[in-house]
N, C-alpha and C. Protein backbone atom coordinates (compact mmCIF):
# COMPACT_ATOMS: atom_id res chain seq x y z
N MET A 1 96.97 145.97 88.62
CA MET A 1 97.57 146.77 89.66
C MET A 1 96.61 147.87 90.08
N LEU A 2 96.44 148.05 91.37
CA LEU A 2 95.57 149.09 91.87
C LEU A 2 96.27 150.43 91.82
N ARG A 3 95.54 151.43 91.36
CA ARG A 3 96.10 152.78 91.33
C ARG A 3 95.46 153.59 92.44
N PRO A 4 96.25 154.30 93.23
CA PRO A 4 95.65 155.10 94.30
C PRO A 4 94.81 156.22 93.73
N ARG A 5 93.67 156.44 94.38
CA ARG A 5 92.78 157.50 93.92
C ARG A 5 92.80 158.61 94.95
N LEU A 6 92.73 159.82 94.47
CA LEU A 6 92.74 161.00 95.32
C LEU A 6 91.32 161.54 95.37
N SER A 7 90.77 161.66 96.57
CA SER A 7 89.41 162.16 96.68
C SER A 7 89.37 163.64 96.36
N ALA A 8 88.21 164.13 96.01
CA ALA A 8 88.05 165.53 95.61
C ALA A 8 88.46 166.51 96.71
N PRO A 9 88.11 166.30 97.99
CA PRO A 9 88.55 167.26 99.01
C PRO A 9 90.07 167.32 99.13
N TRP A 10 90.73 166.17 99.06
CA TRP A 10 92.20 166.18 99.16
C TRP A 10 92.82 166.84 97.94
N ALA A 11 92.25 166.62 96.78
CA ALA A 11 92.77 167.25 95.57
C ALA A 11 92.62 168.77 95.68
N ALA A 12 91.51 169.24 96.22
CA ALA A 12 91.31 170.69 96.38
C ALA A 12 92.32 171.27 97.36
N ILE A 13 92.59 170.55 98.44
CA ILE A 13 93.57 171.03 99.43
C ILE A 13 94.96 171.10 98.80
N LEU A 14 95.32 170.07 98.06
CA LEU A 14 96.64 170.07 97.43
C LEU A 14 96.78 171.17 96.39
N LEU A 15 95.74 171.40 95.61
CA LEU A 15 95.79 172.46 94.62
C LEU A 15 95.86 173.83 95.27
N ALA A 16 95.19 174.01 96.39
CA ALA A 16 95.22 175.29 97.09
C ALA A 16 96.59 175.55 97.70
N ALA A 17 97.31 174.48 98.02
CA ALA A 17 98.62 174.64 98.64
C ALA A 17 99.72 174.98 97.63
N LEU A 18 99.45 174.75 96.34
CA LEU A 18 100.46 175.06 95.33
C LEU A 18 100.61 176.57 95.18
N PRO A 19 101.82 177.06 94.98
CA PRO A 19 102.00 178.50 94.78
C PRO A 19 101.41 178.94 93.44
N ALA A 20 100.95 180.16 93.40
CA ALA A 20 100.33 180.68 92.18
C ALA A 20 101.35 180.78 91.05
N GLY A 21 102.54 181.17 91.35
CA GLY A 21 103.59 181.28 90.35
C GLY A 21 104.93 181.12 91.02
N ALA A 22 105.77 180.35 90.44
CA ALA A 22 107.08 180.15 91.03
C ALA A 22 107.95 181.36 90.74
N ALA A 23 108.61 181.86 91.78
CA ALA A 23 109.50 183.01 91.60
C ALA A 23 110.78 182.54 90.92
N PRO A 24 111.25 183.31 89.93
CA PRO A 24 112.49 182.91 89.28
C PRO A 24 113.67 183.02 90.24
N ALA A 25 114.65 182.18 90.03
CA ALA A 25 115.84 182.22 90.89
C ALA A 25 116.56 183.54 90.69
N GLN A 26 117.02 184.12 91.80
CA GLN A 26 117.73 185.39 91.71
C GLN A 26 119.13 185.15 91.18
N GLU A 27 119.52 185.96 90.25
CA GLU A 27 120.86 185.86 89.71
C GLU A 27 121.80 186.72 90.53
N SER A 28 123.02 186.30 90.61
CA SER A 28 124.01 187.05 91.38
C SER A 28 124.33 188.35 90.65
N ALA A 29 124.42 189.42 91.40
CA ALA A 29 124.77 190.71 90.81
C ALA A 29 126.25 190.74 90.43
N ARG A 30 127.05 189.84 91.01
CA ARG A 30 128.48 189.81 90.73
C ARG A 30 128.81 189.13 89.42
N GLY A 31 127.96 188.25 88.96
CA GLY A 31 128.28 187.48 87.78
C GLY A 31 128.85 186.13 88.18
N PRO A 32 129.31 185.36 87.22
CA PRO A 32 129.84 184.03 87.53
C PRO A 32 131.19 184.11 88.24
N LEU A 33 131.54 183.00 88.90
CA LEU A 33 132.83 182.91 89.59
C LEU A 33 133.95 182.74 88.56
N ASP A 34 135.09 183.38 88.84
CA ASP A 34 136.24 183.09 87.99
C ASP A 34 136.93 181.84 88.55
N GLU A 35 137.96 181.36 87.87
CA GLU A 35 138.57 180.08 88.26
C GLU A 35 139.20 180.14 89.65
N ALA A 36 139.86 181.23 90.01
CA ALA A 36 140.51 181.34 91.32
C ALA A 36 139.46 181.34 92.44
N GLU A 37 138.33 182.03 92.23
CA GLU A 37 137.26 182.04 93.23
C GLU A 37 136.64 180.65 93.38
N PHE A 38 136.46 179.97 92.25
CA PHE A 38 135.90 178.62 92.30
C PHE A 38 136.81 177.68 93.07
N VAL A 39 138.12 177.72 92.80
CA VAL A 39 139.07 176.84 93.47
C VAL A 39 139.07 177.13 94.98
N ALA A 40 139.06 178.42 95.35
CA ALA A 40 139.05 178.78 96.77
C ALA A 40 137.77 178.30 97.45
N LEU A 41 136.63 178.49 96.80
CA LEU A 41 135.35 178.05 97.36
C LEU A 41 135.29 176.53 97.45
N HIS A 42 135.76 175.85 96.42
CA HIS A 42 135.76 174.39 96.41
C HIS A 42 136.63 173.85 97.54
N ARG A 43 137.80 174.45 97.75
CA ARG A 43 138.69 174.02 98.82
C ARG A 43 138.06 174.26 100.19
N ALA A 44 137.38 175.38 100.35
CA ALA A 44 136.75 175.72 101.64
C ALA A 44 135.60 174.79 101.97
N LEU A 45 134.92 174.23 100.97
CA LEU A 45 133.75 173.40 101.20
C LEU A 45 134.07 171.91 101.34
N GLN A 46 135.32 171.53 101.22
CA GLN A 46 135.70 170.13 101.37
C GLN A 46 135.63 169.72 102.84
N PRO A 47 135.17 168.50 103.12
CA PRO A 47 135.10 168.06 104.52
C PRO A 47 136.51 167.87 105.09
N ASP A 48 136.59 167.97 106.39
CA ASP A 48 137.85 167.76 107.08
C ASP A 48 138.26 166.30 106.91
N ARG A 49 139.48 166.05 106.48
CA ARG A 49 139.93 164.68 106.22
C ARG A 49 140.37 163.95 107.49
N ASP A 50 140.40 164.61 108.62
CA ASP A 50 140.83 163.97 109.86
C ASP A 50 139.59 163.51 110.62
N PHE A 51 139.15 162.30 110.32
CA PHE A 51 137.98 161.75 110.98
C PHE A 51 138.42 161.02 112.23
N ALA A 52 137.84 161.36 113.37
CA ALA A 52 138.23 160.74 114.63
C ALA A 52 137.97 159.24 114.63
N TRP A 53 136.90 158.80 113.98
CA TRP A 53 136.56 157.37 114.02
C TRP A 53 137.60 156.54 113.28
N GLU A 54 138.39 157.17 112.38
CA GLU A 54 139.42 156.41 111.67
C GLU A 54 140.63 156.12 112.56
N ARG A 55 140.79 156.86 113.65
CA ARG A 55 141.91 156.64 114.55
C ARG A 55 141.61 155.60 115.63
N ILE A 56 140.37 155.13 115.70
CA ILE A 56 139.99 154.12 116.68
C ILE A 56 140.47 152.76 116.19
N PRO A 57 141.16 152.00 117.02
CA PRO A 57 141.62 150.67 116.59
C PRO A 57 140.46 149.66 116.63
N TRP A 58 139.62 149.68 115.61
CA TRP A 58 138.45 148.80 115.55
C TRP A 58 138.89 147.34 115.49
N ARG A 59 138.13 146.48 116.10
CA ARG A 59 138.39 145.04 116.09
C ARG A 59 137.23 144.34 115.38
N LEU A 60 137.57 143.38 114.57
CA LEU A 60 136.54 142.63 113.85
C LEU A 60 136.22 141.30 114.52
N ASP A 61 137.12 140.81 115.34
CA ASP A 61 136.94 139.55 116.05
C ASP A 61 136.37 139.85 117.44
N LEU A 62 135.11 139.48 117.66
CA LEU A 62 134.44 139.80 118.91
C LEU A 62 135.12 139.17 120.12
N LEU A 63 135.52 137.93 120.01
CA LEU A 63 136.14 137.26 121.16
C LEU A 63 137.50 137.89 121.50
N ALA A 64 138.28 138.24 120.49
CA ALA A 64 139.57 138.89 120.73
C ALA A 64 139.36 140.28 121.32
N ALA A 65 138.34 141.00 120.84
CA ALA A 65 138.04 142.33 121.37
C ALA A 65 137.59 142.24 122.82
N ARG A 66 136.79 141.23 123.13
CA ARG A 66 136.33 141.05 124.51
C ARG A 66 137.51 140.75 125.44
N GLU A 67 138.41 139.93 124.99
CA GLU A 67 139.59 139.60 125.80
C GLU A 67 140.47 140.84 126.00
N GLU A 68 140.67 141.60 124.93
CA GLU A 68 141.49 142.82 125.03
C GLU A 68 140.85 143.83 125.98
N ALA A 69 139.54 144.00 125.90
CA ALA A 69 138.83 144.92 126.80
C ALA A 69 138.94 144.46 128.25
N ARG A 70 138.81 143.17 128.48
CA ARG A 70 138.95 142.64 129.84
C ARG A 70 140.36 142.87 130.37
N ARG A 71 141.36 142.58 129.53
CA ARG A 71 142.76 142.71 129.94
C ARG A 71 143.11 144.17 130.28
N GLU A 72 142.57 145.13 129.49
CA GLU A 72 142.89 146.55 129.69
C GLU A 72 141.91 147.25 130.63
N GLY A 73 140.86 146.55 131.07
CA GLY A 73 139.88 147.16 131.96
C GLY A 73 139.06 148.24 131.27
N MET A 74 138.81 148.05 130.00
CA MET A 74 138.07 149.04 129.20
C MET A 74 136.70 148.47 128.82
N PRO A 75 135.73 149.36 128.55
CA PRO A 75 134.42 148.87 128.10
C PRO A 75 134.50 148.36 126.66
N LEU A 76 133.54 147.56 126.30
CA LEU A 76 133.46 147.00 124.95
C LEU A 76 132.30 147.69 124.24
N PHE A 77 132.59 148.34 123.13
CA PHE A 77 131.57 149.02 122.33
C PHE A 77 131.27 148.15 121.12
N ILE A 78 130.02 147.77 120.97
CA ILE A 78 129.62 146.92 119.84
C ILE A 78 128.73 147.72 118.92
N TRP A 79 129.14 147.84 117.67
CA TRP A 79 128.35 148.53 116.65
C TRP A 79 127.73 147.44 115.79
N SER A 80 126.42 147.34 115.83
CA SER A 80 125.73 146.30 115.10
C SER A 80 124.59 146.92 114.29
N LEU A 81 124.42 146.45 113.07
CA LEU A 81 123.37 146.96 112.20
C LEU A 81 122.44 145.82 111.81
N ASN A 82 121.22 146.16 111.52
CA ASN A 82 120.25 145.19 111.05
C ASN A 82 119.77 145.66 109.68
N GLY A 83 120.08 144.92 108.66
CA GLY A 83 119.63 145.30 107.33
C GLY A 83 120.80 145.63 106.40
N HIS A 84 120.47 146.16 105.27
CA HIS A 84 121.45 146.49 104.26
C HIS A 84 122.29 147.68 104.72
N PRO A 85 123.63 147.67 104.52
CA PRO A 85 124.46 148.76 105.02
C PRO A 85 124.16 150.10 104.37
N LEU A 86 123.54 150.11 103.21
CA LEU A 86 123.19 151.37 102.56
C LEU A 86 121.74 151.77 102.82
N GLY A 87 121.08 151.07 103.70
CA GLY A 87 119.69 151.41 104.02
C GLY A 87 118.72 151.03 102.92
N CYS A 88 119.06 150.05 102.11
CA CYS A 88 118.21 149.65 100.97
C CYS A 88 117.26 148.51 101.32
N SER A 89 117.05 148.28 102.61
CA SER A 89 116.19 147.15 102.96
C SER A 89 114.77 147.58 103.21
């Protein structure tokens, strides 16, 4: 197996770009959250459960969807993907 080699100029550039010392993370002056604060923050950060796309009457049968669109005078929206649904291709 071939291993990629890094030339000396690129290695020097990469080393120069590294910070001299990483700054420690700042700690909160308030201290840790208590349980009530955590629950309130957790609730506030949850996504909205009312997704508009879930209210769309999606059709899985293309021919039936085409006929329904023609009958109602509506456009036909086709969502098509190429590859793995999780982007693993």
